[in-house]
Amino acid sequence: MANTNITIRIDDGLKKKAEELFTDLGLNMTTAINAFIKQAVREQGIPFTISRNVPNSDTISAMEEVKKMKENPDDYKGYDDVDTMFKEILG
């Protein structure tokens, strides 16, 4: 079977991280991409779950707290600067 070249665009930082990972796994970029494509063809789909970036429970709690703070600003103390906040919190 003849080989074909494929040109793709990828963020420099992402490429470097991928190369480091694949090197640690004993692969180069070409071998890793070929493994991905072979697995996709074998499974007739993307070989991993693609999902939306859903916030975890801690993030959801923080977002709910901010919403409550916006709805009831008088129930929460605000600070003009971080130094004052830390002095009050830490004593």
N, C-alpha and C. Protein backbone atom coordinates (compact mmCIF):
# COMPACT_ATOMS: atom_id res chain seq x y z
N MET A 1 0.85 -1.17 0.00
CA MET A 1 0.00 0.00 0.00
C MET A 1 0.90 1.24 0.00
N ALA A 2 0.59 2.22 -0.85
CA ALA A 2 1.38 3.44 -0.95
C ALA A 2 1.06 4.38 0.21
N ASN A 3 2.04 5.16 0.62
CA ASN A 3 1.85 6.15 1.67
C ASN A 3 1.44 7.48 1.06
N THR A 4 0.66 8.25 1.83
CA THR A 4 0.22 9.57 1.41
C THR A 4 0.58 10.56 2.51
N ASN A 5 1.03 11.73 2.13
CA ASN A 5 1.32 12.78 3.10
C ASN A 5 0.05 13.58 3.40
N ILE A 6 -0.10 13.97 4.66
CA ILE A 6 -1.20 14.82 5.09
C ILE A 6 -0.58 16.02 5.79
N THR A 7 -1.06 17.22 5.48
CA THR A 7 -0.60 18.42 6.16
C THR A 7 -1.72 18.91 7.07
N ILE A 8 -1.39 19.14 8.34
CA ILE A 8 -2.38 19.66 9.28
C ILE A 8 -1.81 20.88 9.99
N ARG A 9 -2.68 21.72 10.49
CA ARG A 9 -2.27 22.88 11.28
C ARG A 9 -2.63 22.59 12.73
N ILE A 10 -1.69 22.90 13.61
CA ILE A 10 -1.90 22.65 15.03
C ILE A 10 -1.15 23.71 15.82
N ASP A 11 -1.68 24.11 16.93
CA ASP A 11 -1.05 25.10 17.81
C ASP A 11 0.33 24.60 18.22
N ASP A 12 1.33 25.49 18.20
CA ASP A 12 2.70 25.11 18.54
C ASP A 12 2.81 24.47 19.92
N GLY A 13 2.16 25.08 20.90
CA GLY A 13 2.23 24.55 22.27
C GLY A 13 1.62 23.16 22.38
N LEU A 14 0.49 22.97 21.72
CA LEU A 14 -0.17 21.67 21.73
C LEU A 14 0.70 20.62 21.05
N LYS A 15 1.33 21.00 19.94
CA LYS A 15 2.21 20.07 19.23
C LYS A 15 3.37 19.64 20.13
N LYS A 16 3.97 20.58 20.83
CA LYS A 16 5.09 20.24 21.71
C LYS A 16 4.66 19.29 22.82
N LYS A 17 3.50 19.57 23.42
CA LYS A 17 2.99 18.70 24.49
C LYS A 17 2.70 17.30 23.95
N ALA A 18 2.11 17.24 22.75
CA ALA A 18 1.80 15.94 22.14
C ALA A 18 3.08 15.17 21.84
N GLU A 19 4.09 15.86 21.29
CA GLU A 19 5.35 15.20 20.99
C GLU A 19 6.01 14.65 22.25
N GLU A 20 5.96 15.42 23.34
CA GLU A 20 6.53 14.95 24.62
C GLU A 20 5.80 13.69 25.09
N LEU A 21 4.47 13.73 25.03
CA LEU A 21 3.66 12.58 25.45
C LEU A 21 3.98 11.36 24.59
N PHE A 22 3.94 11.54 23.27
CA PHE A 22 4.16 10.41 22.38
C PHE A 22 5.58 9.85 22.53
N THR A 23 6.55 10.71 22.74
CA THR A 23 7.92 10.25 22.96
C THR A 23 7.98 9.39 24.23
N ASP A 24 7.32 9.85 25.30
CA ASP A 24 7.27 9.06 26.53
C ASP A 24 6.62 7.70 26.31
N LEU A 25 5.69 7.65 25.35
CA LEU A 25 5.00 6.39 25.04
C LEU A 25 5.74 5.56 24.00
N GLY A 26 6.90 6.08 23.55
CA GLY A 26 7.68 5.35 22.56
C GLY A 26 7.17 5.52 21.14
N LEU A 27 6.44 6.59 20.89
CA LEU A 27 5.87 6.85 19.56
C LEU A 27 6.37 8.17 19.01
N ASN A 28 6.26 8.33 17.70
CA ASN A 28 6.44 9.66 17.13
C ASN A 28 5.07 10.16 16.69
N MET A 29 5.02 11.40 16.22
CA MET A 29 3.74 12.00 15.85
C MET A 29 3.04 11.19 14.75
N THR A 30 3.78 10.77 13.73
CA THR A 30 3.19 10.01 12.63
C THR A 30 2.56 8.72 13.12
N THR A 31 3.27 7.98 13.96
CA THR A 31 2.76 6.71 14.47
C THR A 31 1.51 6.94 15.32
N ALA A 32 1.54 7.98 16.16
CA ALA A 32 0.39 8.27 17.01
C ALA A 32 -0.84 8.63 16.18
N ILE A 33 -0.65 9.47 15.16
CA ILE A 33 -1.79 9.86 14.32
C ILE A 33 -2.30 8.66 13.53
N ASN A 34 -1.40 7.82 13.03
CA ASN A 34 -1.82 6.61 12.33
C ASN A 34 -2.62 5.69 13.26
N ALA A 35 -2.19 5.56 14.51
CA ALA A 35 -2.92 4.73 15.48
C ALA A 35 -4.33 5.27 15.69
N PHE A 36 -4.44 6.61 15.81
CA PHE A 36 -5.75 7.24 15.98
C PHE A 36 -6.65 6.94 14.77
N ILE A 37 -6.13 7.14 13.58
CA ILE A 37 -6.93 6.95 12.37
C ILE A 37 -7.34 5.48 12.21
N LYS A 38 -6.42 4.56 12.46
CA LYS A 38 -6.76 3.13 12.37
C LYS A 38 -7.86 2.76 13.36
N GLN A 39 -7.76 3.29 14.58
CA GLN A 39 -8.78 2.99 15.59
C GLN A 39 -10.12 3.60 15.19
N ALA A 40 -10.11 4.81 14.63
CA ALA A 40 -11.36 5.45 14.19
C ALA A 40 -12.02 4.63 13.09
N VAL A 41 -11.22 4.16 12.14
CA VAL A 41 -11.76 3.33 11.04
C VAL A 41 -12.30 2.02 11.60
N ARG A 42 -11.55 1.40 12.51
CA ARG A 42 -11.98 0.13 13.11
C ARG A 42 -13.31 0.29 13.84
N GLU A 43 -13.45 1.38 14.59
CA GLU A 43 -14.67 1.60 15.38
C GLU A 43 -15.76 2.33 14.62
N GLN A 44 -15.42 2.81 13.41
CA GLN A 44 -16.37 3.57 12.60
C GLN A 44 -16.87 4.80 13.36
N GLY A 45 -15.96 5.46 14.03
CA GLY A 45 -16.27 6.67 14.78
C GLY A 45 -15.03 7.17 15.50
N ILE A 46 -15.15 8.29 16.14
CA ILE A 46 -14.05 8.83 16.94
C ILE A 46 -13.83 7.87 18.11
N PRO A 47 -12.59 7.44 18.34
CA PRO A 47 -12.34 6.40 19.35
C PRO A 47 -12.27 6.90 20.79
N PHE A 48 -12.95 7.98 21.07
CA PHE A 48 -13.06 8.49 22.43
C PHE A 48 -14.28 9.38 22.50
N THR A 49 -14.73 9.66 23.69
CA THR A 49 -15.92 10.48 23.88
C THR A 49 -15.58 11.95 23.65
N ILE A 50 -16.37 12.60 22.84
CA ILE A 50 -16.25 14.04 22.64
C ILE A 50 -17.45 14.66 23.33
N SER A 51 -17.17 15.54 24.27
CA SER A 51 -18.26 16.14 25.02
C SER A 51 -17.99 17.61 25.27
N ARG A 52 -19.01 18.30 25.68
CA ARG A 52 -18.87 19.70 26.02
C ARG A 52 -18.09 19.82 27.32
N ASN A 53 -17.45 20.94 27.51
CA ASN A 53 -16.71 21.19 28.73
C ASN A 53 -17.70 21.58 29.82
N VAL A 54 -18.08 20.60 30.63
CA VAL A 54 -19.09 20.80 31.66
C VAL A 54 -18.39 21.08 32.99
N PRO A 55 -18.78 22.14 33.69
CA PRO A 55 -18.13 22.44 34.97
C PRO A 55 -18.38 21.36 36.01
N ASN A 56 -17.37 21.13 36.86
CA ASN A 56 -17.54 20.15 37.93
C ASN A 56 -18.36 20.73 39.07
N SER A 57 -18.63 19.95 40.09
CA SER A 57 -19.53 20.38 41.18
C SER A 57 -18.97 21.58 41.95
N ASP A 58 -17.64 21.65 42.13
CA ASP A 58 -17.05 22.80 42.83
C ASP A 58 -17.25 24.09 42.04
N THR A 59 -17.07 24.00 40.73
CA THR A 59 -17.25 25.18 39.89
C THR A 59 -18.72 25.61 39.88
N ILE A 60 -19.62 24.64 39.80
CA ILE A 60 -21.05 24.96 39.82
C ILE A 60 -21.42 25.64 41.13
N SER A 61 -20.89 25.14 42.25
CA SER A 61 -21.15 25.76 43.56
C SER A 61 -20.64 27.19 43.60
N ALA A 62 -19.45 27.42 43.07
CA ALA A 62 -18.87 28.77 43.06
C ALA A 62 -19.72 29.70 42.20
N MET A 63 -20.20 29.20 41.05
CA MET A 63 -21.04 30.01 40.18
C MET A 63 -22.36 30.36 40.87
N GLU A 64 -22.93 29.41 41.60
CA GLU A 64 -24.17 29.66 42.32
C GLU A 64 -23.95 30.69 43.43
N GLU A 65 -22.80 30.61 44.09
CA GLU A 65 -22.48 31.57 45.16
C GLU A 65 -22.35 32.98 44.59
N VAL A 66 -21.70 33.13 43.45
CA VAL A 66 -21.56 34.44 42.81
C VAL A 66 -22.93 34.97 42.42
N LYS A 67 -23.79 34.10 41.93
CA LYS A 67 -25.14 34.53 41.55
C LYS A 67 -25.89 35.06 42.77
N LYS A 68 -25.78 34.36 43.91
CA LYS A 68 -26.42 34.81 45.14
C LYS A 68 -25.85 36.14 45.59
N MET A 69 -24.53 36.30 45.46
CA MET A 69 -23.88 37.55 45.85
C MET A 69 -24.38 38.72 45.01
N LYS A 70 -24.60 38.47 43.71
CA LYS A 70 -25.10 39.52 42.84
C LYS A 70 -26.55 39.87 43.16
N GLU A 71 -27.33 38.86 43.54
CA GLU A 71 -28.74 39.08 43.85
C GLU A 71 -28.91 39.77 45.20
N ASN A 72 -28.00 39.52 46.14
CA ASN A 72 -28.09 40.09 47.49
C ASN A 72 -26.75 40.68 47.92
N PRO A 73 -26.32 41.75 47.28
CA PRO A 73 -24.98 42.29 47.57
C PRO A 73 -24.82 42.79 49.00
N ASP A 74 -25.92 43.20 49.65
CA ASP A 74 -25.82 43.69 51.02
C ASP A 74 -25.53 42.59 52.02
N ASP A 75 -25.73 41.34 51.63
CA ASP A 75 -25.47 40.20 52.52
C ASP A 75 -24.00 39.80 52.53
N TYR A 76 -23.20 40.41 51.67
CA TYR A 76 -21.79 40.03 51.54
C TYR A 76 -20.89 41.23 51.70
N LYS A 77 -19.75 41.01 52.35
CA LYS A 77 -18.79 42.08 52.55
C LYS A 77 -17.84 42.13 51.36
N GLY A 78 -17.60 43.32 50.87
CA GLY A 78 -16.66 43.50 49.76
C GLY A 78 -15.40 44.19 50.25
N TYR A 79 -14.35 44.12 49.47
CA TYR A 79 -13.08 44.74 49.82
C TYR A 79 -12.59 45.55 48.64
N ASP A 80 -11.88 46.64 48.95
CA ASP A 80 -11.31 47.48 47.90
C ASP A 80 -9.96 46.97 47.43
N ASP A 81 -9.28 46.21 48.29
CA ASP A 81 -8.00 45.66 47.87
C ASP A 81 -7.71 44.35 48.61
N VAL A 82 -6.84 43.57 48.06
CA VAL A 82 -6.54 42.24 48.58
C VAL A 82 -5.85 42.32 49.94
N ASP A 83 -4.95 43.29 50.13
CA ASP A 83 -4.23 43.41 51.41
C ASP A 83 -5.20 43.60 52.57
N THR A 84 -6.18 44.46 52.40
CA THR A 84 -7.17 44.70 53.45
C THR A 84 -7.96 43.43 53.74
N MET A 85 -8.34 42.72 52.67
CA MET A 85 -9.08 41.48 52.84
C MET A 85 -8.27 40.47 53.64
N PHE A 86 -7.01 40.28 53.27
CA PHE A 86 -6.19 39.30 53.99
C PHE A 86 -5.95 39.70 55.43
N LYS A 87 -5.76 40.99 55.69
CA LYS A 87 -5.56 41.46 57.08
C LYS A 87 -6.77 41.11 57.93
N GLU A 88 -7.97 41.32 57.36
CA GLU A 88 -9.19 41.05 58.11
C GLU A 88 -9.40 39.54 58.29
N ILE A 89 -9.14 38.78 57.24
CA ILE A 89 -9.37 37.34 57.30
C ILE A 89 -8.36 36.66 58.20
N LEU A 90 -7.09 37.02 58.07
CA LEU A 90 -6.03 36.36 58.81
C LEU A 90 -5.73 36.99 60.17
N GLY A 91 -6.26 38.17 60.38
CA GLY A 91 -6.10 38.83 61.68
C GLY A 91 -4.87 39.57 61.86
